[in-house]
Amino acid sequence: MGYGLILVDVQRNLLEGETAVAGAAEFRVVLSDLLDAARDADAPIVHVKNDGARGEPDEPGTPGWELVFAPLPGEPVVRKDVADAFESNPALADVLRAMGVDTVVVAGLQSEHCVQATAIGALRRGFDVIVPAGAHTTYDDGEPAEAIVERVTLELVAAGVEVPELDDLTWA
């Protein structure tokens, strides 16, 4: 068994234009490098796409809903309408296991919503979970985004998620 990458909500509305998170251009490079590393290692990759409500920036079919990185053949796209991709897609765990995955690397947006919920969902379904430091971000929301990311990271570690530095991540 091996590692697989779940890219959570890496959609245009979060990384481009007026609705983008702060530091979107730099964060896009981080995610692109992570995706390239997973592809170079022939790791299974799943792209998760959020279906927002009518009028939201990620409403299905709108430009903001589109994925930033085009999936390659064999990289499934999973849609969701709740924070946890596993809750929205009960077969996701079986699909990952069929792809040979026992450890999921979760990255994307937003830290305190879909990234955290999907990471915890993976833990509940028996996967080892890695959320690399610097591979998730969010918006300022009552506190600076950096503080939210730090808090979520501590909560993930407390739940049993491994949080290595990006440079220390190996696709074993």
C-alpha atoms as a PDB file:
ATOM      1  CA  MET A   1       0.000   0.000   0.000  1.00  0.00           C
ATOM      2  CA  GLY A   2       1.112   3.604  -0.371  1.00  0.00           C
ATOM      3  CA  TYR A   3       0.462   7.282  -0.351  1.00  0.00           C
ATOM      4  CA  GLY A   4      -2.221   9.182  -2.246  1.00  0.00           C
ATOM      5  CA  LEU A   5      -2.894  12.903  -2.604  1.00  0.00           C
ATOM      6  CA  ILE A   6      -6.280  14.512  -2.033  1.00  0.00           C
ATOM      7  CA  LEU A   7      -6.395  18.081  -3.348  1.00  0.00           C
ATOM      8  CA  VAL A   8      -9.320  19.765  -1.608  1.00  0.00           C
ATOM      9  CA  ASP A   9     -11.216  22.608  -3.286  1.00  0.00           C
ATOM     10  CA  VAL A  10      -8.330  23.884  -5.388  1.00  0.00           C
ATOM     11  CA  GLN A  11     -10.785  25.922  -7.429  1.00  0.00           C
ATOM     12  CA  ARG A  12     -10.472  29.203  -9.281  1.00  0.00           C
ATOM     13  CA  ASN A  13     -12.674  31.205  -6.900  1.00  0.00           C
ATOM     14  CA  LEU A  14     -10.190  30.562  -4.075  1.00  0.00           C
ATOM     15  CA  LEU A  15      -6.949  31.161  -5.967  1.00  0.00           C
ATOM     16  CA  GLU A  16      -7.814  33.725  -8.653  1.00  0.00           C
ATOM     17  CA  GLY A  17      -9.469  37.122  -8.884  1.00  0.00           C
ATOM     18  CA  GLU A  18     -11.187  39.191  -6.228  1.00  0.00           C
ATOM     19  CA  THR A  19     -12.350  36.208  -4.143  1.00  0.00           C
ATOM     20  CA  ALA A  20      -8.854  34.684  -3.850  1.00  0.00           C
ATOM     21  CA  VAL A  21      -7.182  34.048  -0.505  1.00  0.00           C
ATOM     22  CA  ALA A  22      -4.308  36.324   0.496  1.00  0.00           C
ATOM     23  CA  GLY A  23      -1.038  35.032  -0.948  1.00  0.00           C
ATOM     24  CA  ALA A  24      -2.898  33.000  -3.579  1.00  0.00           C
ATOM     25  CA  ALA A  25      -0.113  33.155  -6.181  1.00  0.00           C
ATOM     26  CA  GLU A  26       2.481  31.791  -3.762  1.00  0.00           C
ATOM     27  CA  PHE A  27       0.098  29.164  -2.423  1.00  0.00           C
ATOM     28  CA  ARG A  28      -0.719  28.047  -5.955  1.00  0.00           C
ATOM     29  CA  VAL A  29       3.013  27.348  -6.500  1.00  0.00           C
ATOM     30  CA  VAL A  30       3.123  25.266  -3.289  1.00  0.00           C
ATOM     31  CA  LEU A  31       0.168  23.175  -4.455  1.00  0.00           C
ATOM     32  CA  SER A  32       1.548  22.866  -7.987  1.00  0.00           C
ATOM     33  CA  ASP A  33       4.879  21.594  -6.630  1.00  0.00           C
ATOM     34  CA  LEU A  34       3.058  19.119  -4.349  1.00  0.00           C
ATOM     35  CA  LEU A  35       0.950  17.872  -7.251  1.00  0.00           C
ATOM     36  CA  ASP A  36       4.038  17.522  -9.464  1.00  0.00           C
ATOM     37  CA  ALA A  37       5.847  15.551  -6.758  1.00  0.00           C
ATOM     38  CA  ALA A  38       2.883  13.192  -6.351  1.00  0.00           C
ATOM     39  CA  ARG A  39       2.673  12.699 -10.111  1.00  0.00           C
ATOM     40  CA  ASP A  40       6.433  12.111 -10.366  1.00  0.00           C
ATOM     41  CA  ALA A  41       6.067   9.400  -7.702  1.00  0.00           C
ATOM     42  CA  ASP A  42       3.088   7.850  -9.533  1.00  0.00           C
ATOM     43  CA  ALA A  43       0.990   8.390  -6.402  1.00  0.00           C
ATOM     44  CA  PRO A  44      -2.792   8.193  -6.814  1.00  0.00           C
ATOM     45  CA  ILE A  45      -4.397  11.649  -6.889  1.00  0.00           C
ATOM     46  CA  VAL A  46      -8.000  12.643  -6.200  1.00  0.00           C
ATOM     47  CA  HIS A  47      -9.262  16.163  -6.928  1.00  0.00           C
ATOM     48  CA  VAL A  48     -12.125  17.316  -4.694  1.00  0.00           C
ATOM     49  CA  LYS A  49     -14.438  19.992  -6.058  1.00  0.00           C
ATOM     50  CA  ASN A  50     -16.871  21.905  -3.848  1.00  0.00           C
ATOM     51  CA  ASP A  51     -20.370  22.544  -5.154  1.00  0.00           C
ATOM     52  CA  GLY A  52     -21.415  25.913  -3.726  1.00  0.00           C
ATOM     53  CA  ALA A  53     -24.958  27.187  -3.482  1.00  0.00           C
ATOM     54  CA  ARG A  54     -26.628  29.237  -6.198  1.00  0.00           C
ATOM     55  CA  GLY A  55     -24.970  32.655  -6.376  1.00  0.00           C
ATOM     56  CA  GLU A  56     -21.817  31.526  -4.523  1.00  0.00           C
ATOM     57  CA  PRO A  57     -18.383  31.936  -6.165  1.00  0.00           C
ATOM     58  CA  ASP A  58     -18.132  28.126  -6.453  1.00  0.00           C
ATOM     59  CA  GLU A  59     -21.599  27.527  -7.884  1.00  0.00           C
ATOM     60  CA  PRO A  60     -21.387  24.525 -10.238  1.00  0.00           C
ATOM     61  CA  GLY A  61     -20.860  25.506 -13.846  1.00  0.00           C
ATOM     62  CA  THR A  62     -19.441  28.956 -13.085  1.00  0.00           C
ATOM     63  CA  PRO A  63     -15.828  29.956 -13.856  1.00  0.00           C
ATOM     64  CA  GLY A  64     -15.017  30.088 -10.106  1.00  0.00           C
ATOM     65  CA  TRP A  65     -16.075  26.463  -9.703  1.00  0.00           C
ATOM     66  CA  GLU A  66     -13.453  25.176 -12.146  1.00  0.00           C
ATOM     67  CA  LEU A  67     -10.375  23.382 -10.850  1.00  0.00           C
ATOM     68  CA  VAL A  68      -7.088  25.280 -11.011  1.00  0.00           C
ATOM     69  CA  PHE A  69      -5.102  22.171 -11.988  1.00  0.00           C
ATOM     70  CA  ALA A  70      -6.458  19.977 -14.762  1.00  0.00           C
ATOM     71  CA  PRO A  71      -6.726  16.351 -13.659  1.00  0.00           C
ATOM     72  CA  LEU A  72      -4.778  13.851 -15.732  1.00  0.00           C
ATOM     73  CA  PRO A  73      -6.344  10.593 -16.918  1.00  0.00           C
ATOM     74  CA  GLY A  74      -6.770   8.280 -13.932  1.00  0.00           C
ATOM     75  CA  GLU A  75      -7.077  11.186 -11.461  1.00  0.00           C
ATOM     76  CA  PRO A  76     -10.709  11.120 -10.340  1.00  0.00           C
ATOM     77  CA  VAL A  77     -12.643  14.291  -9.599  1.00  0.00           C
ATOM     78  CA  VAL A  78     -14.969  13.975  -6.615  1.00  0.00           C
ATOM     79  CA  ARG A  79     -17.686  16.540  -6.029  1.00  0.00           C
ATOM     80  CA  LYS A  80     -18.989  17.450  -2.598  1.00  0.00           C
ATOM     81  CA  ASP A  81     -21.502  19.763  -0.980  1.00  0.00           C
ATOM     82  CA  VAL A  82     -20.421  19.298   2.652  1.00  0.00           C
ATOM     83  CA  ALA A  83     -17.019  19.935   4.242  1.00  0.00           C
ATOM     84  CA  ASP A  84     -15.905  16.282   4.517  1.00  0.00           C
ATOM     85  CA  ALA A  85     -15.289  14.751   1.083  1.00  0.00           C
ATOM     86  CA  PHE A  86     -15.700  11.263   2.604  1.00  0.00           C
ATOM     87  CA  GLU A  87     -19.117  12.110   4.051  1.00  0.00           C
ATOM     88  CA  SER A  88     -20.300  13.508   0.735  1.00  0.00           C
ATOM     89  CA  ASN A  89     -18.855  10.508  -1.164  1.00  0.00           C
ATOM     90  CA  PRO A  90     -19.145   7.291   0.873  1.00  0.00           C
ATOM     91  CA  ALA A  91     -17.310   5.285  -1.832  1.00  0.00           C
ATOM     92  CA  LEU A  92     -14.213   7.526  -1.685  1.00  0.00           C
ATOM     93  CA  ALA A  93     -12.474   5.360   0.925  1.00  0.00           C
ATOM     94  CA  ASP A  94     -13.044   2.237  -1.193  1.00  0.00           C
ATOM     95  CA  VAL A  95     -11.789   4.015  -4.324  1.00  0.00           C
ATOM     96  CA  LEU A  96      -8.604   5.095  -2.531  1.00  0.00           C
ATOM     97  CA  ARG A  97      -8.007   1.594  -1.164  1.00  0.00           C
ATOM     98  CA  ALA A  98      -8.559   0.128  -4.637  1.00  0.00           C
ATOM     99  CA  MET A  99      -5.880   2.555  -5.859  1.00  0.00           C
ATOM    100  CA  GLY A 100      -3.493   1.100  -3.250  1.00  0.00           C
ATOM    101  CA  VAL A 101      -3.690   4.002  -0.800  1.00  0.00           C
ATOM    102  CA  ASP A 102      -3.396   3.566   2.961  1.00  0.00           C
ATOM    103  CA  THR A 103      -1.932   7.016   3.721  1.00  0.00           C
ATOM    104  CA  VAL A 104      -3.613  10.139   2.378  1.00  0.00           C
ATOM    105  CA  VAL A 105      -1.864  13.463   1.977  1.00  0.00           C
ATOM    106  CA  VAL A 106      -4.503  16.181   2.248  1.00  0.00           C
ATOM    107  CA  ALA A 107      -3.846  19.684   0.907  1.00  0.00           C
ATOM    108  CA  GLY A 108      -5.871  22.645  -0.297  1.00  0.00           C
ATOM    109  CA  LEU A 109      -8.476  25.071   0.996  1.00  0.00           C
ATOM    110  CA  GLN A 110      -9.895  26.113   3.444  1.00  0.00           C
ATOM    111  CA  SER A 111      -7.948  25.004   6.492  1.00  0.00           C
ATOM    112  CA  GLU A 112     -10.708  25.163   9.095  1.00  0.00           C
ATOM    113  CA  HIS A 113     -13.438  23.824   6.863  1.00  0.00           C
ATOM    114  CA  CYS A 114     -12.912  21.280   4.112  1.00  0.00           C
ATOM    115  CA  VAL A 115      -9.226  20.447   4.678  1.00  0.00           C
ATOM    116  CA  GLN A 116      -9.732  19.737   8.377  1.00  0.00           C
ATOM    117  CA  ALA A 117     -13.033  17.902   7.857  1.00  0.00           C
ATOM    118  CA  THR A 118     -11.653  15.732   5.049  1.00  0.00           C
ATOM    119  CA  ALA A 119      -8.491  14.906   7.036  1.00  0.00           C
ATOM    120  CA  ILE A 120     -10.588  13.873  10.064  1.00  0.00           C
ATOM    121  CA  GLY A 121     -12.937  11.958   7.742  1.00  0.00           C
ATOM    122  CA  ALA A 122      -9.963  10.011   6.393  1.00  0.00           C
ATOM    123  CA  LEU A 123      -8.785   9.201   9.929  1.00  0.00           C
ATOM    124  CA  ARG A 124     -12.259   7.913  10.809  1.00  0.00           C
ATOM    125  CA  ARG A 125     -12.112   5.599   7.820  1.00  0.00           C
ATOM    126  CA  GLY A 126      -8.821   4.059   8.923  1.00  0.00           C
ATOM    127  CA  PHE A 127      -6.321   5.955   6.793  1.00  0.00           C
ATOM    128  CA  ASP A 128      -3.085   7.384   8.057  1.00  0.00           C
ATOM    129  CA  VAL A 129      -3.278  11.095   7.297  1.00  0.00           C
ATOM    130  CA  ILE A 130      -0.635  13.670   6.465  1.00  0.00           C
ATOM    131  CA  VAL A 131      -1.389  17.382   6.114  1.00  0.00           C
ATOM    132  CA  PRO A 132       1.925  18.997   5.213  1.00  0.00           C
ATOM    133  CA  ALA A 133       2.765  22.302   6.881  1.00  0.00           C
ATOM    134  CA  GLY A 134       2.137  25.086   4.401  1.00  0.00           C
ATOM    135  CA  ALA A 135      -0.131  22.960   2.173  1.00  0.00           C
ATOM    136  CA  HIS A 136      -3.397  24.481   3.388  1.00  0.00           C
ATOM    137  CA  THR A 137      -4.647  28.017   3.876  1.00  0.00           C
ATOM    138  CA  THR A 138      -7.766  30.085   4.408  1.00  0.00           C
ATOM    139  CA  TYR A 139      -9.182  33.597   4.655  1.00  0.00           C
ATOM    140  CA  ASP A 140      -8.998  36.031   7.562  1.00  0.00           C
ATOM    141  CA  ASP A 141     -12.189  35.339   9.519  1.00  0.00           C
ATOM    142  CA  GLY A 142     -12.398  37.008  12.917  1.00  0.00           C
ATOM    143  CA  GLU A 143      -8.681  36.336  13.277  1.00  0.00           C
ATOM    144  CA  PRO A 144      -5.791  36.378  10.820  1.00  0.00           C
ATOM    145  CA  ALA A 145      -5.605  33.464   8.389  1.00  0.00           C
ATOM    146  CA  GLU A 146      -2.178  32.553   9.780  1.00  0.00           C
ATOM    147  CA  ALA A 147      -3.677  32.132  13.265  1.00  0.00           C
ATOM    148  CA  ILE A 148      -6.472  29.946  11.887  1.00  0.00           C
ATOM    149  CA  VAL A 149      -3.963  27.776  10.007  1.00  0.00           C
ATOM    150  CA  GLU A 150      -1.851  27.425  13.160  1.00  0.00           C
ATOM    151  CA  ARG A 151      -4.872  26.502  15.298  1.00  0.00           C
ATOM    152  CA  VAL A 152      -6.109  23.954  12.757  1.00  0.00           C
ATOM    153  CA  THR A 153      -2.636  22.435  12.527  1.00  0.00           C
ATOM    154  CA  LEU A 154      -2.543  21.941  16.304  1.00  0.00           C
ATOM    155  CA  GLU A 155      -6.044  20.412  16.237  1.00  0.00           C
ATOM    156  CA  LEU A 156      -5.030  18.049  13.436  1.00  0.00           C
ATOM    157  CA  VAL A 157      -1.915  16.921  15.319  1.00  0.00           C
ATOM    158  CA  ALA A 158      -4.025  16.338  18.440  1.00  0.00           C
ATOM    159  CA  ALA A 159      -6.387  14.178  16.343  1.00  0.00           C
ATOM    160  CA  GLY A 160      -3.528  12.013  15.073  1.00  0.00           C
ATOM    161  CA  VAL A 161      -2.624  13.686  11.774  1.00  0.00           C
ATOM    162  CA  GLU A 162       1.046  13.890  10.849  1.00  0.00           C
ATOM    163  CA  VAL A 163       2.198  17.417   9.890  1.00  0.00           C
ATOM    164  CA  PRO A 164       5.657  17.278   8.331  1.00  0.00           C
ATOM    165  CA  GLU A 165       7.389  20.143   6.608  1.00  0.00           C
ATOM    166  CA  LEU A 166       6.751  20.066   2.867  1.00  0.00           C
ATOM    167  CA  ASP A 167      10.446  19.486   2.161  1.00  0.00           C
ATOM    168  CA  ASP A 168      10.380  16.407   4.429  1.00  0.00           C
ATOM    169  CA  LEU A 169       7.421  14.754   2.673  1.00  0.00           C
ATOM    170  CA  THR A 170       8.366  11.615   0.798  1.00  0.00           C
ATOM    171  CA  TRP A 171       5.954   9.663  -1.388  1.00  0.00           C
ATOM    172  CA  ALA A 172       6.725   6.241   0.078  1.00  0.00           C
END
